[in-house]
Amino acid sequence: IILGARPGMGKTTMALNYLLKAASNNEPCVFYSLEMSSTQVLQVLVNIRTGISVEKMRTGKVSDLEIELIQNEIQELSKLPLFIFDDRYTIDSILNTTRFLKRKYGVKLLVLDYLQLVGTNMLKSNRNSQIEYISRSLKLLASPADCNLTIVALSQLSRSVETRGGDKR
């Protein structure tokens, strides 16, 4: 599944909601964040589950009750079958890591945030060819012949829509 939208439209939050739902149902999941650190991802997950704003967590402007809620939620999240990676990955390292996680833990869902930041070893090709190669590799990884898992790849669409009039969504 390719989930595409402009920046700031909630792609990551939507994908993390899918991830939380699957992991809460004891389905092992992996999240590759090429845009945010694992700490930032954890803050968004805590926000989804508690409603405490990420901004309050970042600035430390939380009450004692909210601190306790955050600590409890982090403990609960640590029990979920959820793997979060925040390194700058190439498609080959994503494929290898996911195959390992599938064999060892039975991963069922992969979320990739986001597609355009994935690197390749294709030095002399244009970016369209690289994205095509990445997409094809992910499709093969999802197939029953390989890992047989669901993949949600987030894609950032052009900001050019902001120049037109009317509803920009």
C-alpha atoms as a PDB file:
ATOM      1  CA  ILE A   1       0.000   0.000   0.000  1.00  0.00           C
ATOM      2  CA  ILE A   2       1.358   3.411  -0.913  1.00  0.00           C
ATOM      3  CA  LEU A   3      -0.070   6.193   1.227  1.00  0.00           C
ATOM      4  CA  GLY A   4       0.672   9.531  -0.403  1.00  0.00           C
ATOM      5  CA  ALA A   5      -0.147  13.056   0.702  1.00  0.00           C
ATOM      6  CA  ARG A   6       1.417  16.473   1.058  1.00  0.00           C
ATOM      7  CA  PRO A   7       3.643  17.251   4.046  1.00  0.00           C
ATOM      8  CA  GLY A   8       1.816  17.758   7.335  1.00  0.00           C
ATOM      9  CA  MET A   9      -1.364  15.897   6.360  1.00  0.00           C
ATOM     10  CA  GLY A  10      -1.000  13.109   8.955  1.00  0.00           C
ATOM     11  CA  LYS A  11       0.479  10.222   6.949  1.00  0.00           C
ATOM     12  CA  THR A  12       2.842   9.168   9.745  1.00  0.00           C
ATOM     13  CA  THR A  13       0.179   9.417  12.446  1.00  0.00           C
ATOM     14  CA  MET A  14      -2.245   7.378  10.348  1.00  0.00           C
ATOM     15  CA  ALA A  15       0.386   4.712   9.681  1.00  0.00           C
ATOM     16  CA  LEU A  16       1.368   4.591  13.364  1.00  0.00           C
ATOM     17  CA  ASN A  17      -2.301   4.056  14.249  1.00  0.00           C
ATOM     18  CA  TYR A  18      -2.328   1.020  11.904  1.00  0.00           C
ATOM     19  CA  LEU A  19       0.885  -0.181  13.517  1.00  0.00           C
ATOM     20  CA  LEU A  20      -0.459   0.197  17.060  1.00  0.00           C
ATOM     21  CA  LYS A  21      -3.661  -1.638  16.186  1.00  0.00           C
ATOM     22  CA  ALA A  22      -1.763  -4.559  14.657  1.00  0.00           C
ATOM     23  CA  ALA A  23       0.812  -4.724  17.475  1.00  0.00           C
ATOM     24  CA  SER A  24      -1.976  -4.528  20.086  1.00  0.00           C
ATOM     25  CA  ASN A  25      -3.478  -7.614  18.417  1.00  0.00           C
ATOM     26  CA  ASN A  26      -0.121  -9.356  18.973  1.00  0.00           C
ATOM     27  CA  GLU A  27       0.927  -9.067  15.314  1.00  0.00           C
ATOM     28  CA  PRO A  28       4.671  -8.360  15.118  1.00  0.00           C
ATOM     29  CA  CYS A  29       5.346  -5.113  13.227  1.00  0.00           C
ATOM     30  CA  VAL A  30       8.350  -3.143  12.016  1.00  0.00           C
ATOM     31  CA  PHE A  31       8.520   0.610  11.454  1.00  0.00           C
ATOM     32  CA  TYR A  32      11.340   2.171   9.425  1.00  0.00           C
ATOM     33  CA  SER A  33      11.459   5.906  10.049  1.00  0.00           C
ATOM     34  CA  LEU A  34      13.790   7.724   7.714  1.00  0.00           C
ATOM     35  CA  GLU A  35      12.420  11.101   8.765  1.00  0.00           C
ATOM     36  CA  MET A  36      12.125  10.990  12.583  1.00  0.00           C
ATOM     37  CA  SER A  37      14.284   9.548  15.348  1.00  0.00           C
ATOM     38  CA  SER A  38      12.982   6.577  17.336  1.00  0.00           C
ATOM     39  CA  THR A  39      12.482   8.964  20.287  1.00  0.00           C
ATOM     40  CA  GLN A  40      10.227  11.170  18.162  1.00  0.00           C
ATOM     41  CA  VAL A  41       8.309   8.107  16.951  1.00  0.00           C
ATOM     42  CA  LEU A  42       7.840   7.006  20.561  1.00  0.00           C
ATOM     43  CA  GLN A  43       6.530  10.473  21.456  1.00  0.00           C
ATOM     44  CA  VAL A  44       3.948  10.263  18.660  1.00  0.00           C
ATOM     45  CA  LEU A  45       2.911   6.775  19.810  1.00  0.00           C
ATOM     46  CA  VAL A  46       2.476   8.046  23.386  1.00  0.00           C
ATOM     47  CA  ASN A  47       0.488  10.999  22.052  1.00  0.00           C
ATOM     48  CA  ILE A  48      -1.825   8.679  20.112  1.00  0.00           C
ATOM     49  CA  ARG A  49      -2.458   6.544  23.182  1.00  0.00           C
ATOM     50  CA  THR A  50      -2.691   9.290  25.844  1.00  0.00           C
ATOM     51  CA  GLY A  51      -3.655  12.499  24.066  1.00  0.00           C
ATOM     52  CA  ILE A  52      -0.734  14.348  25.683  1.00  0.00           C
ATOM     53  CA  SER A  53       0.711  16.646  23.035  1.00  0.00           C
ATOM     54  CA  VAL A  54       4.147  15.933  21.607  1.00  0.00           C
ATOM     55  CA  GLU A  55       5.016  19.600  22.125  1.00  0.00           C
ATOM     56  CA  LYS A  56       4.341  19.304  25.879  1.00  0.00           C
ATOM     57  CA  MET A  57       6.539  16.196  26.050  1.00  0.00           C
ATOM     58  CA  ARG A  58       9.372  17.876  24.138  1.00  0.00           C
ATOM     59  CA  THR A  59       9.344  21.010  26.278  1.00  0.00           C
ATOM     60  CA  GLY A  60       8.819  19.144  29.546  1.00  0.00           C
ATOM     61  CA  LYS A  61       5.700  21.157  30.377  1.00  0.00           C
ATOM     62  CA  VAL A  62       3.801  18.150  31.704  1.00  0.00           C
ATOM     63  CA  SER A  63       2.092  17.687  35.053  1.00  0.00           C
ATOM     64  CA  ASP A  64       3.005  14.958  37.515  1.00  0.00           C
ATOM     65  CA  LEU A  65      -0.119  13.044  36.465  1.00  0.00           C
ATOM     66  CA  GLU A  66       0.889  13.310  32.791  1.00  0.00           C
ATOM     67  CA  ILE A  67       4.418  12.110  33.619  1.00  0.00           C
ATOM     68  CA  GLU A  68       2.918   9.059  35.269  1.00  0.00           C
ATOM     69  CA  LEU A  69       0.648   8.448  32.256  1.00  0.00           C
ATOM     70  CA  ILE A  70       3.630   8.759  29.889  1.00  0.00           C
ATOM     71  CA  GLN A  71       5.742   6.342  31.956  1.00  0.00           C
ATOM     72  CA  ASN A  72       2.893   3.807  32.096  1.00  0.00           C
ATOM     73  CA  GLU A  73       2.330   4.096  28.362  1.00  0.00           C
ATOM     74  CA  ILE A  74       6.018   3.608  27.560  1.00  0.00           C
ATOM     75  CA  GLN A  75       5.983   0.441  29.680  1.00  0.00           C
ATOM     76  CA  GLU A  76       2.901  -0.799  27.794  1.00  0.00           C
ATOM     77  CA  LEU A  77       4.428   0.038  24.418  1.00  0.00           C
ATOM     78  CA  SER A  78       7.628  -1.839  25.345  1.00  0.00           C
ATOM     79  CA  LYS A  79       5.547  -5.017  25.725  1.00  0.00           C
ATOM     80  CA  LEU A  80       4.192  -4.820  22.168  1.00  0.00           C
ATOM     81  CA  PRO A  81       5.816  -6.809  19.332  1.00  0.00           C
ATOM     82  CA  LEU A  82       6.994  -3.611  17.683  1.00  0.00           C
ATOM     83  CA  PHE A  83      10.395  -2.911  16.113  1.00  0.00           C
ATOM     84  CA  ILE A  84      11.335   0.706  15.329  1.00  0.00           C
ATOM     85  CA  PHE A  85      14.386   1.602  13.233  1.00  0.00           C
ATOM     86  CA  ASP A  86      15.481   5.170  12.580  1.00  0.00           C
ATOM     87  CA  ASP A  87      18.707   4.842  10.614  1.00  0.00           C
ATOM     88  CA  ARG A  88      19.159   6.041   7.048  1.00  0.00           C
ATOM     89  CA  TYR A  89      18.507   2.739   5.308  1.00  0.00           C
ATOM     90  CA  THR A  90      19.063   1.520   1.793  1.00  0.00           C
ATOM     91  CA  ILE A  91      16.448  -0.723   0.242  1.00  0.00           C
ATOM     92  CA  ASP A  92      18.839  -3.671   0.515  1.00  0.00           C
ATOM     93  CA  SER A  93      19.297  -3.237   4.279  1.00  0.00           C
ATOM     94  CA  ILE A  94      15.508  -2.881   4.724  1.00  0.00           C
ATOM     95  CA  LEU A  95      14.939  -6.105   2.782  1.00  0.00           C
ATOM     96  CA  ASN A  96      17.595  -8.021   4.750  1.00  0.00           C
ATOM     97  CA  THR A  97      16.479  -6.740   8.163  1.00  0.00           C
ATOM     98  CA  THR A  98      12.832  -7.465   7.396  1.00  0.00           C
ATOM     99  CA  ARG A  99      13.579 -11.001   6.204  1.00  0.00           C
ATOM    100  CA  PHE A 100      15.486 -11.621   9.446  1.00  0.00           C
ATOM    101  CA  LEU A 101      12.600 -10.225  11.545  1.00  0.00           C
ATOM    102  CA  LYS A 102      10.122 -12.346   9.585  1.00  0.00           C
ATOM    103  CA  ARG A 103      12.116 -15.534  10.252  1.00  0.00           C
ATOM    104  CA  LYS A 104      12.825 -14.791  13.908  1.00  0.00           C
ATOM    105  CA  TYR A 105       9.634 -13.026  15.066  1.00  0.00           C
ATOM    106  CA  GLY A 106       7.038 -13.582  12.332  1.00  0.00           C
ATOM    107  CA  VAL A 107       6.643  -9.905  11.380  1.00  0.00           C
ATOM    108  CA  LYS A 108       3.295  -9.315   9.616  1.00  0.00           C
ATOM    109  CA  LEU A 109       3.345  -5.551   8.941  1.00  0.00           C
ATOM    110  CA  LEU A 110       6.057  -3.224   7.692  1.00  0.00           C
ATOM    111  CA  VAL A 111       5.613   0.549   7.622  1.00  0.00           C
ATOM    112  CA  LEU A 112       8.156   2.656   5.743  1.00  0.00           C
ATOM    113  CA  ASP A 113       8.232   6.402   6.415  1.00  0.00           C
ATOM    114  CA  TYR A 114       8.954   7.566   3.755  1.00  0.00           C
ATOM    115  CA  LEU A 115       9.626   6.166   0.315  1.00  0.00           C
ATOM    116  CA  GLN A 116      11.617   9.033  -1.225  1.00  0.00           C
ATOM    117  CA  LEU A 117      14.246   8.908   1.538  1.00  0.00           C
ATOM    118  CA  VAL A 118      15.189   5.264   0.938  1.00  0.00           C
ATOM    119  CA  GLY A 119      18.613   4.937  -0.629  1.00  0.00           C
ATOM    120  CA  THR A 120      19.761   2.539  -3.321  1.00  0.00           C
ATOM    121  CA  ASN A 121      23.062   1.301  -4.692  1.00  0.00           C
ATOM    122  CA  MET A 122      22.085   2.503  -8.174  1.00  0.00           C
ATOM    123  CA  LEU A 123      24.695   5.241  -8.585  1.00  0.00           C
ATOM    124  CA  LYS A 124      24.150   6.375 -12.165  1.00  0.00           C
ATOM    125  CA  SER A 125      20.383   6.108 -12.486  1.00  0.00           C
ATOM    126  CA  ASN A 126      17.827   8.880 -12.148  1.00  0.00           C
ATOM    127  CA  ARG A 127      15.596   9.167  -9.084  1.00  0.00           C
ATOM    128  CA  ASN A 128      12.508   7.862 -10.931  1.00  0.00           C
ATOM    129  CA  SER A 129      14.361   4.637 -11.764  1.00  0.00           C
ATOM    130  CA  GLN A 130      15.479   4.339  -8.151  1.00  0.00           C
ATOM    131  CA  ILE A 131      11.920   4.794  -6.809  1.00  0.00           C
ATOM    132  CA  GLU A 132      10.698   2.220  -9.327  1.00  0.00           C
ATOM    133  CA  TYR A 133      13.371  -0.229  -8.116  1.00  0.00           C
ATOM    134  CA  ILE A 134      12.475   0.426  -4.446  1.00  0.00           C
ATOM    135  CA  SER A 135       8.741  -0.050  -5.125  1.00  0.00           C
ATOM    136  CA  ARG A 136       9.327  -3.270  -7.052  1.00  0.00           C
ATOM    137  CA  SER A 137      11.606  -4.590  -4.285  1.00  0.00           C
ATOM    138  CA  LEU A 138       8.968  -3.865  -1.631  1.00  0.00           C
ATOM    139  CA  LYS A 139       6.283  -5.541  -3.741  1.00  0.00           C
ATOM    140  CA  LEU A 140       8.411  -8.666  -4.057  1.00  0.00           C
ATOM    141  CA  LEU A 141       9.151  -8.618  -0.308  1.00  0.00           C
ATOM    142  CA  ALA A 142       5.392  -8.528   0.406  1.00  0.00           C
ATOM    143  CA  SER A 143       4.649 -11.438  -1.911  1.00  0.00           C
ATOM    144  CA  PRO A 144       3.768 -14.904  -0.572  1.00  0.00           C
ATOM    145  CA  ALA A 145       6.918 -16.248  -2.225  1.00  0.00           C
ATOM    146  CA  ASP A 146       9.070 -14.043  -0.003  1.00  0.00           C
ATOM    147  CA  CYS A 147       7.880 -12.674   3.374  1.00  0.00           C
ATOM    148  CA  ASN A 148       4.108 -12.656   2.828  1.00  0.00           C
ATOM    149  CA  LEU A 149       3.486  -9.495   4.805  1.00  0.00           C
ATOM    150  CA  THR A 150       1.619  -6.226   4.471  1.00  0.00           C
ATOM    151  CA  ILE A 151       3.689  -3.191   3.579  1.00  0.00           C
ATOM    152  CA  VAL A 152       2.554   0.408   3.957  1.00  0.00           C
ATOM    153  CA  ALA A 153       4.971   2.859   2.355  1.00  0.00           C
ATOM    154  CA  LEU A 154       4.409   6.552   2.932  1.00  0.00           C
ATOM    155  CA  SER A 155       5.111   8.924   0.082  1.00  0.00           C
ATOM    156  CA  GLN A 156       5.336  12.688   0.176  1.00  0.00           C
ATOM    157  CA  LEU A 157       3.541  14.368  -2.702  1.00  0.00           C
ATOM    158  CA  SER A 158       4.463  17.621  -4.364  1.00  0.00           C
ATOM    159  CA  ARG A 159       3.807  20.925  -2.646  1.00  0.00           C
ATOM    160  CA  SER A 160       2.776  22.439  -6.003  1.00  0.00           C
ATOM    161  CA  VAL A 161      -0.907  21.947  -5.109  1.00  0.00           C
ATOM    162  CA  GLU A 162      -0.495  24.793  -2.605  1.00  0.00           C
ATOM    163  CA  THR A 163      -0.301  27.297  -5.466  1.00  0.00           C
ATOM    164  CA  ARG A 164      -3.770  26.533  -6.806  1.00  0.00           C
ATOM    165  CA  GLY A 165      -6.938  28.106  -5.428  1.00  0.00           C
ATOM    166  CA  GLY A 166      -9.753  26.420  -3.508  1.00  0.00           C
ATOM    167  CA  ASP A 167      -9.530  23.266  -1.401  1.00  0.00           C
ATOM    168  CA  LYS A 168      -5.944  22.085  -1.323  1.00  0.00           C
ATOM    169  CA  ARG A 169      -6.659  18.667   0.164  1.00  0.00           C
END
